[in-house]
PDB file of N, CA and C in Angstrom:
ATOM      1  N   MET A   1      -5.134  -2.565 -34.917  1.00  0.00           N
ATOM      2  CA  MET A   1      -4.255  -2.622 -32.969  1.00  0.00           C
ATOM      3  C   MET A   1      -3.113  -2.400 -33.385  1.00  0.00           C
ATOM      4  N   SER A   2      -2.269  -3.897 -34.261  1.00  0.00           N
ATOM      5  CA  SER A   2      -1.183  -3.500 -34.439  1.00  0.00           C
ATOM      6  C   SER A   2      -0.420  -2.519 -34.376  1.00  0.00           C
ATOM      7  N   LYS A   3      -0.704  -1.582 -35.696  1.00  0.00           N
ATOM      8  CA  LYS A   3      -0.368  -0.378 -35.589  1.00  0.00           C
ATOM      9  C   LYS A   3      -0.095  -0.071 -34.721  1.00  0.00           C
ATOM     10  N   VAL A   4      -0.847   0.439 -34.480  1.00  0.00           N
ATOM     11  CA  VAL A   4      -0.942   1.912 -33.317  1.00  0.00           C
ATOM     12  C   VAL A   4       0.098   1.528 -32.342  1.00  0.00           C
ATOM     13  N   THR A   5       0.078  -0.660 -31.777  1.00  0.00           N
ATOM     14  CA  THR A   5       1.452  -0.364 -31.208  1.00  0.00           C
ATOM     15  C   THR A   5       2.367   0.302 -31.548  1.00  0.00           C
ATOM     16  N   ARG A   6       3.001  -1.004 -33.062  1.00  0.00           N
ATOM     17  CA  ARG A   6       4.074  -0.879 -33.286  1.00  0.00           C
ATOM     18  C   ARG A   6       4.298   1.226 -33.320  1.00  0.00           C
ATOM     19  N   LYS A   7       3.526   1.658 -33.334  1.00  0.00           N
ATOM     20  CA  LYS A   7       4.154   3.279 -33.379  1.00  0.00           C
ATOM     21  C   LYS A   7       4.430   3.800 -31.926  1.00  0.00           C
ATOM     22  N   LYS A   8       4.044   2.983 -30.833  1.00  0.00           N
ATOM     23  CA  LYS A   8       4.517   3.223 -29.530  1.00  0.00           C
ATOM     24  C   LYS A   8       5.560   3.313 -30.182  1.00  0.00           C
ATOM     25  N   ARG A   9       5.997   1.174 -29.976  1.00  0.00           N
ATOM     26  CA  ARG A   9       7.333   0.892 -30.206  1.00  0.00           C
ATOM     27  C   ARG A   9       7.945   2.144 -30.768  1.00  0.00           C
ATOM     28  N   THR A  10       7.888   2.619 -31.989  1.00  0.00           N
ATOM     29  CA  THR A  10       8.250   2.895 -32.878  1.00  0.00           C
ATOM     30  C   THR A  10       8.830   4.886 -31.420  1.00  0.00           C
ATOM     31  N   THR A  11       8.106   5.572 -31.348  1.00  0.00           N
ATOM     32  CA  THR A  11       8.159   6.482 -30.660  1.00  0.00           C
ATOM     33  C   THR A  11       9.563   6.122 -29.557  1.00  0.00           C
ATOM     34  N   THR A  12       8.567   5.512 -28.559  1.00  0.00           N
ATOM     35  CA  THR A  12       9.486   4.804 -27.633  1.00  0.00           C
ATOM     36  C   THR A  12      10.875   4.741 -28.075  1.00  0.00           C
ATOM     37  N   ARG A  13      11.235   4.178 -29.139  1.00  0.00           N
ATOM     38  CA  ARG A  13      12.799   3.345 -29.579  1.00  0.00           C
ATOM     39  C   ARG A  13      13.214   4.647 -29.344  1.00  0.00           C
ATOM     40  N   GLN A  14      12.544   5.668 -30.262  1.00  0.00           N
ATOM     41  CA  GLN A  14      13.351   7.120 -31.358  1.00  0.00           C
ATOM     42  C   GLN A  14      13.238   7.863 -29.771  1.00  0.00           C
ATOM     43  N   SER A  15      12.662   8.268 -28.467  1.00  0.00           N
ATOM     44  CA  SER A  15      13.139   9.112 -27.604  1.00  0.00           C
ATOM     45  C   SER A  15      13.763   8.522 -26.745  1.00  0.00           C
ATOM     46  N   VAL A  16      14.547   7.059 -26.583  1.00  0.00           N
ATOM     47  CA  VAL A  16      15.435   5.771 -25.756  1.00  0.00           C
ATOM     48  C   VAL A  16      16.548   6.252 -26.531  1.00  0.00           C
ATOM     49  N   THR A  17      17.189   6.456 -27.434  1.00  0.00           N
ATOM     50  CA  THR A  17      17.292   7.233 -28.460  1.00  0.00           C
ATOM     51  C   THR A  17      17.904   8.466 -28.249  1.00  0.00           C
ATOM     52  N   ALA A  18      16.923   9.072 -28.391  1.00  0.00           N
ATOM     53  CA  ALA A  18      17.010  10.531 -28.398  1.00  0.00           C
ATOM     54  C   ALA A  18      17.911  11.335 -27.004  1.00  0.00           C
ATOM     55  N   ILE A  19      17.579   9.692 -25.718  1.00  0.00           N
ATOM     56  CA  ILE A  19      18.128  10.094 -24.351  1.00  0.00           C
ATOM     57  C   ILE A  19      19.421   9.749 -24.589  1.00  0.00           C
ATOM     58  N   SER A  20      19.693   9.169 -25.189  1.00  0.00           N
ATOM     59  CA  SER A  20      21.128   8.326 -25.417  1.00  0.00           C
ATOM     60  C   SER A  20      22.048   8.716 -25.461  1.00  0.00           C
ATOM     61  N   LEU A  21      21.766   9.210 -26.595  1.00  0.00           N
ATOM     62  CA  LEU A  21      22.465  10.474 -27.502  1.00  0.00           C
ATOM     63  C   LEU A  21      23.277  11.151 -26.772  1.00  0.00           C
ATOM     64  N   GLN A  22      21.566  11.797 -25.910  1.00  0.00           N
ATOM     65  CA  GLN A  22      22.474  13.216 -24.971  1.00  0.00           C
ATOM     66  C   GLN A  22      22.802  12.811 -23.934  1.00  0.00           C
ATOM     67  N   HIS A  23      22.543  11.302 -23.512  1.00  0.00           N
ATOM     68  CA  HIS A  23      23.653  11.602 -22.391  1.00  0.00           C
ATOM     69  C   HIS A  23      24.809  11.250 -22.833  1.00  0.00           C
ATOM     70  N   ILE A  24      25.402  10.585 -23.934  1.00  0.00           N
ATOM     71  CA  ILE A  24      26.529  10.864 -23.994  1.00  0.00           C
ATOM     72  C   ILE A  24      27.784  12.379 -24.728  1.00  0.00           C
ATOM     73  N   ASN A  25      26.810  12.617 -25.253  1.00  0.00           N
ATOM     74  CA  ASN A  25      27.784  13.885 -25.550  1.00  0.00           C
ATOM     75  C   ASN A  25      27.680  15.404 -24.324  1.00  0.00           C
ATOM     76  N   GLU A  26      26.924  14.661 -23.405  1.00  0.00           N
ATOM     77  CA  GLU A  26      26.905  15.409 -22.172  1.00  0.00           C
ATOM     78  C   GLU A  26      28.366  14.785 -22.024  1.00  0.00           C
ATOM     79  N   LYS A  27      28.420  13.279 -21.699  1.00  0.00           N
ATOM     80  CA  LYS A  27      29.647  12.868 -21.628  1.00  0.00           C
ATOM     81  C   LYS A  27      30.827  13.350 -21.966  1.00  0.00           C
ATOM     82  N   LEU A  28      30.713  13.365 -23.445  1.00  0.00           N
ATOM     83  CA  LEU A  28      31.733  13.825 -24.127  1.00  0.00           C
ATOM     84  C   LEU A  28      32.171  15.530 -23.618  1.00  0.00           C
ATOM     85  N   GLU A  29      31.000  16.041 -23.715  1.00  0.00           N
ATOM     86  CA  GLU A  29      31.366  17.711 -23.173  1.00  0.00           C
ATOM     87  C   GLU A  29      32.586  17.611 -22.029  1.00  0.00           C
ATOM     88  N   HIS A  30      31.425  16.649 -20.704  1.00  0.00           N
ATOM     89  CA  HIS A  30      32.479  16.593 -19.436  1.00  0.00           C
ATOM     90  C   HIS A  30      33.709  16.029 -19.531  1.00  0.00           C
ATOM     91  N   ILE A  31      33.953  15.018 -20.681  1.00  0.00           N
ATOM     92  CA  ILE A  31      35.981  14.676 -20.904  1.00  0.00           C
ATOM     93  C   ILE A  31      35.888  15.817 -20.811  1.00  0.00           C
ATOM     94  N   HIS A  32      35.707  16.534 -22.166  1.00  0.00           N
ATOM     95  CA  HIS A  32      36.775  17.379 -23.190  1.00  0.00           C
ATOM     96  C   HIS A  32      37.073  18.565 -21.948  1.00  0.00           C
ATOM     97  N   LYS A  33      35.863  18.988 -20.945  1.00  0.00           N
ATOM     98  CA  LYS A  33      36.674  20.210 -20.106  1.00  0.00           C
ATOM     99  C   LYS A  33      37.356  19.169 -18.636  1.00  0.00           C
ATOM    100  N   ASP A  34      37.656  17.745 -18.721  1.00  0.00           N
ATOM    101  CA  ASP A  34      38.557  17.148 -18.002  1.00  0.00           C
ATOM    102  C   ASP A  34      39.994  17.723 -18.539  1.00  0.00           C
ATOM    103  N   LEU A  35      39.317  17.245 -20.128  1.00  0.00           N
ATOM    104  CA  LEU A  35      41.010  17.057 -20.792  1.00  0.00           C
ATOM    105  C   LEU A  35      41.761  18.678 -21.127  1.00  0.00           C
ATOM    106  N   GLU A  36      40.766  19.863 -21.357  1.00  0.00           N
ATOM    107  CA  GLU A  36      41.228  21.361 -20.816  1.00  0.00           C
ATOM    108  C   GLU A  36      42.401  21.242 -20.084  1.00  0.00           C
ATOM    109  N   GLN A  37      41.412  20.711 -18.409  1.00  0.00           N
ATOM    110  CA  GLN A  37      42.229  21.530 -17.332  1.00  0.00           C
ATOM    111  C   GLN A  37      43.309  20.140 -17.217  1.00  0.00           C
ATOM    112  N   ASN A  38      43.303  19.422 -17.185  1.00  0.00           N
ATOM    113  CA  ASN A  38      44.514  18.622 -17.675  1.00  0.00           C
ATOM    114  C   ASN A  38      45.730  18.634 -18.260  1.00  0.00           C
ATOM    115  N   SER A  39      45.677  19.769 -19.924  1.00  0.00           N
ATOM    116  CA  SER A  39      46.516  20.242 -20.051  1.00  0.00           C
ATOM    117  C   SER A  39      47.018  21.461 -19.137  1.00  0.00           C
ATOM    118  N   LYS A  40      45.996  22.330 -18.929  1.00  0.00           N
ATOM    119  CA  LYS A  40      46.796  23.530 -18.410  1.00  0.00           C
ATOM    120  C   LYS A  40      47.524  23.001 -17.294  1.00  0.00           C
ATOM    121  N   ASP A  41      47.307  21.740 -16.588  1.00  0.00           N
ATOM    122  CA  ASP A  41      47.525  20.863 -15.271  1.00  0.00           C
ATOM    123  C   ASP A  41      49.273  20.805 -15.360  1.00  0.00           C
ATOM    124  N   ILE A  42      48.892  20.766 -17.166  1.00  0.00           N
ATOM    125  CA  ILE A  42      50.954  20.029 -17.143  1.00  0.00           C
ATOM    126  C   ILE A  42      51.112  19.947 -17.693  1.00  0.00           C
ATOM    127  N   SER A  43      50.721  21.814 -18.131  1.00  0.00           N
ATOM    128  CA  SER A  43      51.944  23.350 -19.130  1.00  0.00           C
ATOM    129  C   SER A  43      52.176  23.998 -17.483  1.00  0.00           C
ATOM    130  N   GLN A  44      51.425  23.907 -16.472  1.00  0.00           N
ATOM    131  CA  GLN A  44      52.125  23.756 -15.229  1.00  0.00           C
ATOM    132  C   GLN A  44      53.524  23.869 -14.355  1.00  0.00           C
ATOM    133  N   LEU A  45      52.961  21.990 -14.238  1.00  0.00           N
ATOM    134  CA  LEU A  45      54.021  21.788 -13.776  1.00  0.00           C
ATOM    135  C   LEU A  45      55.224  21.621 -14.365  1.00  0.00           C
ATOM    136  N   LYS A  46      55.025  21.066 -15.973  1.00  0.00           N
ATOM    137  CA  LYS A  46      56.309  21.770 -16.745  1.00  0.00           C
ATOM    138  C   LYS A  46      57.449  23.031 -16.394  1.00  0.00           C
ATOM    139  N   GLN A  47      56.480  24.050 -16.427  1.00  0.00           N
ATOM    140  CA  GLN A  47      56.381  25.467 -16.233  1.00  0.00           C
ATOM    141  C   GLN A  47      56.963  24.784 -14.405  1.00  0.00           C
ATOM    142  N   GLN A  48      56.960  24.794 -13.694  1.00  0.00           N
ATOM    143  CA  GLN A  48      57.306  23.900 -12.000  1.00  0.00           C
ATOM    144  C   GLN A  48      58.646  24.215 -12.111  1.00  0.00           C
ATOM    145  N   MET A  49      58.849  22.487 -12.990  1.00  0.00           N
ATOM    146  CA  MET A  49      60.085  22.308 -13.292  1.00  0.00           C
ATOM    147  C   MET A  49      60.909  22.423 -13.816  1.00  0.00           C
ATOM    148  N   ALA A  50      60.372  23.316 -14.734  1.00  0.00           N
ATOM    149  CA  ALA A  50      61.739  24.212 -15.530  1.00  0.00           C
ATOM    150  C   ALA A  50      62.405  25.394 -14.213  1.00  0.00           C
ATOM    151  N   MET A  51      61.248  25.797 -13.459  1.00  0.00           N
ATOM    152  CA  MET A  51      62.047  26.893 -12.383  1.00  0.00           C
ATOM    153  C   MET A  51      63.072  25.687 -11.464  1.00  0.00           C
ATOM    154  N   GLY A  52      61.922  24.367 -10.686  1.00  0.00           N
ATOM    155  CA  GLY A  52      63.166  23.973  -9.887  1.00  0.00           C
ATOM    156  C   GLY A  52      65.809  23.639 -10.671  1.00  0.00           C
ATOM    157  N   LYS A  53      63.963  23.023 -12.050  1.00  0.00           N
ATOM    158  CA  LYS A  53      66.030  22.678 -12.549  1.00  0.00           C
ATOM    159  C   LYS A  53      67.150  23.816 -12.693  1.00  0.00           C
ATOM    160  N   GLY A  54      66.486  25.142 -12.915  1.00  0.00           N
ATOM    161  CA  GLY A  54      67.466  26.382 -12.811  1.00  0.00           C
ATOM    162  C   GLY A  54      67.546  26.454 -11.492  1.00  0.00           C
ATOM    163  N   GLY A  55      66.610  26.587 -10.334  1.00  0.00           N
ATOM    164  CA  GLY A  55      67.273  26.418  -9.443  1.00  0.00           C
ATOM    165  C   GLY A  55      69.104  26.162  -8.320  1.00  0.00           C
ATOM    166  N   LEU A  56      68.528  24.355  -9.038  1.00  0.00           N
ATOM    167  CA  LEU A  56      70.105  23.917  -8.924  1.00  0.00           C
ATOM    168  C   LEU A  56      70.446  24.394  -9.411  1.00  0.00           C
ATOM    169  N   LYS A  57      70.248  24.525 -10.555  1.00  0.00           N
ATOM    170  CA  LYS A  57      72.110  25.146 -11.411  1.00  0.00           C
ATOM    171  C   LYS A  57      73.125  26.276 -11.397  1.00  0.00           C
ATOM    172  N   VAL A  58      71.804  26.847  -9.860  1.00  0.00           N
ATOM    173  CA  VAL A  58      72.405  28.385  -9.509  1.00  0.00           C
ATOM    174  C   VAL A  58      72.243  27.582  -8.515  1.00  0.00           C
ATOM    175  N   ILE A  59      72.485  27.056  -8.301  1.00  0.00           N
ATOM    176  CA  ILE A  59      72.813  26.665  -6.150  1.00  0.00           C
ATOM    177  C   ILE A  59      74.209  26.099  -6.529  1.00  0.00           C
ATOM    178  N   PHE A  60      74.190  24.993  -7.693  1.00  0.00           N
ATOM    179  CA  PHE A  60      75.451  24.090  -7.811  1.00  0.00           C
ATOM    180  C   PHE A  60      77.057  25.297  -8.508  1.00  0.00           C
ATOM    181  N   TYR A  61      76.233  26.108  -9.116  1.00  0.00           N
ATOM    182  CA  TYR A  61      76.917  27.186  -9.876  1.00  0.00           C
ATOM    183  C   TYR A  61      77.470  28.139  -8.291  1.00  0.00           C
ATOM    184  N   VAL A  62      76.724  28.406  -7.516  1.00  0.00           N
ATOM    185  CA  VAL A  62      77.087  29.398  -6.256  1.00  0.00           C
ATOM    186  C   VAL A  62      78.266  28.634  -5.787  1.00  0.00           C
ATOM    187  N   GLY A  63      77.970  27.228  -5.260  1.00  0.00           N
ATOM    188  CA  GLY A  63      79.037  25.710  -4.068  1.00  0.00           C
ATOM    189  C   GLY A  63      79.907  26.503  -5.383  1.00  0.00           C
ATOM    190  N   GLY A  64      80.066  26.166  -6.835  1.00  0.00           N
ATOM    191  CA  GLY A  64      81.542  26.035  -8.077  1.00  0.00           C
ATOM    192  C   GLY A  64      82.267  26.952  -6.966  1.00  0.00           C
ATOM    193  N   VAL A  65      81.916  28.411  -7.166  1.00  0.00           N
ATOM    194  CA  VAL A  65      82.388  29.758  -7.103  1.00  0.00           C
ATOM    195  C   VAL A  65      82.636  29.813  -5.570  1.00  0.00           C
ATOM    196  N   VAL A  66      81.865  29.591  -4.596  1.00  0.00           N
ATOM    197  CA  VAL A  66      82.922  29.472  -3.387  1.00  0.00           C
ATOM    198  C   VAL A  66      83.608  28.075  -2.533  1.00  0.00           C
ATOM    199  N   SER A  67      83.775  27.568  -3.368  1.00  0.00           N
ATOM    200  CA  SER A  67      84.370  26.176  -3.020  1.00  0.00           C
ATOM    201  C   SER A  67      86.047  26.862  -4.448  1.00  0.00           C
ATOM    202  N   ILE A  68      85.695  26.817  -4.710  1.00  0.00           N
ATOM    203  CA  ILE A  68      87.307  27.757  -5.531  1.00  0.00           C
ATOM    204  C   ILE A  68      88.020  28.869  -5.641  1.00  0.00           C
ATOM    205  N   ILE A  69      86.691  30.019  -4.591  1.00  0.00           N
ATOM    206  CA  ILE A  69      87.866  30.371  -3.040  1.00  0.00           C
ATOM    207  C   ILE A  69      88.217  30.367  -2.400  1.00  0.00           C
ATOM    208  N   LEU A  70      87.099  29.407  -1.605  1.00  0.00           N
ATOM    209  CA  LEU A  70      87.675  28.668  -0.735  1.00  0.00           C
ATOM    210  C   LEU A  70      88.933  27.867  -0.673  1.00  0.00           C
ATOM    211  N   GLY A  71      89.013  27.468  -1.984  1.00  0.00           N
ATOM    212  CA  GLY A  71      90.072  26.302  -2.043  1.00  0.00           C
ATOM    213  C   GLY A  71      92.106  27.665  -2.323  1.00  0.00           C
ATOM    214  N   VAL A  72      91.946  28.747  -3.083  1.00  0.00           N
ATOM    215  CA  VAL A  72      91.852  30.114  -4.107  1.00  0.00           C
ATOM    216  C   VAL A  72      92.836  30.103  -2.280  1.00  0.00           C
ATOM    217  N   LEU A  73      92.467  30.895  -1.180  1.00  0.00           N
ATOM    218  CA  LEU A  73      92.812  30.963  -0.039  1.00  0.00           C
ATOM    219  C   LEU A  73      92.758  29.755   0.824  1.00  0.00           C
ATOM    220  N   LYS A  74      92.604  28.295   0.629  1.00  0.00           N
ATOM    221  CA  LYS A  74      93.468  27.233   1.358  1.00  0.00           C
ATOM    222  C   LYS A  74      95.207  27.167   0.919  1.00  0.00           C
ATOM    223  N   ILE A  75      95.058  27.691  -1.117  1.00  0.00           N
ATOM    224  CA  ILE A  75      97.008  27.177  -1.087  1.00  0.00           C
ATOM    225  C   ILE A  75      97.285  28.928  -0.856  1.00  0.00           C
ATOM    226  N   GLY A  76      97.054  29.765  -0.727  1.00  0.00           N
ATOM    227  CA  GLY A  76      97.527  31.095  -0.239  1.00  0.00           C
ATOM    228  C   GLY A  76      98.128  31.017   1.521  1.00  0.00           C
ATOM    229  N   LYS A  77      97.282  29.855   1.752  1.00  0.00           N
ATOM    230  CA  LYS A  77      97.309  29.835   3.401  1.00  0.00           C
ATOM    231  C   LYS A  77      96.816  31.236   3.780  1.00  0.00           C
ATOM    232  N   ILE A  78      95.972  31.471   3.428  1.00  0.00           N
ATOM    233  CA  ILE A  78      94.960  32.669   4.914  1.00  0.00           C
ATOM    234  C   ILE A  78      93.921  32.028   5.451  1.00  0.00           C
ATOM    235  N   ILE A  79      93.190  31.298   4.786  1.00  0.00           N
ATOM    236  CA  ILE A  79      92.670  30.967   5.979  1.00  0.00           C
ATOM    237  C   ILE A  79      93.219  29.802   6.613  1.00  0.00           C
TER     238      ILE A  79
END
């Protein structure tokens, strides 16, 4: 009788181990998908930040040119 009990325990342990490994594998796959999505989001944010910085540079250059033009006109007493 003890041999039968041992076989049941071993089978139960193996099935519990297999289920646990399957669960861990599913969690790892989910984490991998989340990591890929985060990487894509980070790339998009970097692009948006680069466009924002470029826009600020353009605004400063245009503002500089306008202020130079106004300064020259003021010096020439046209305004």
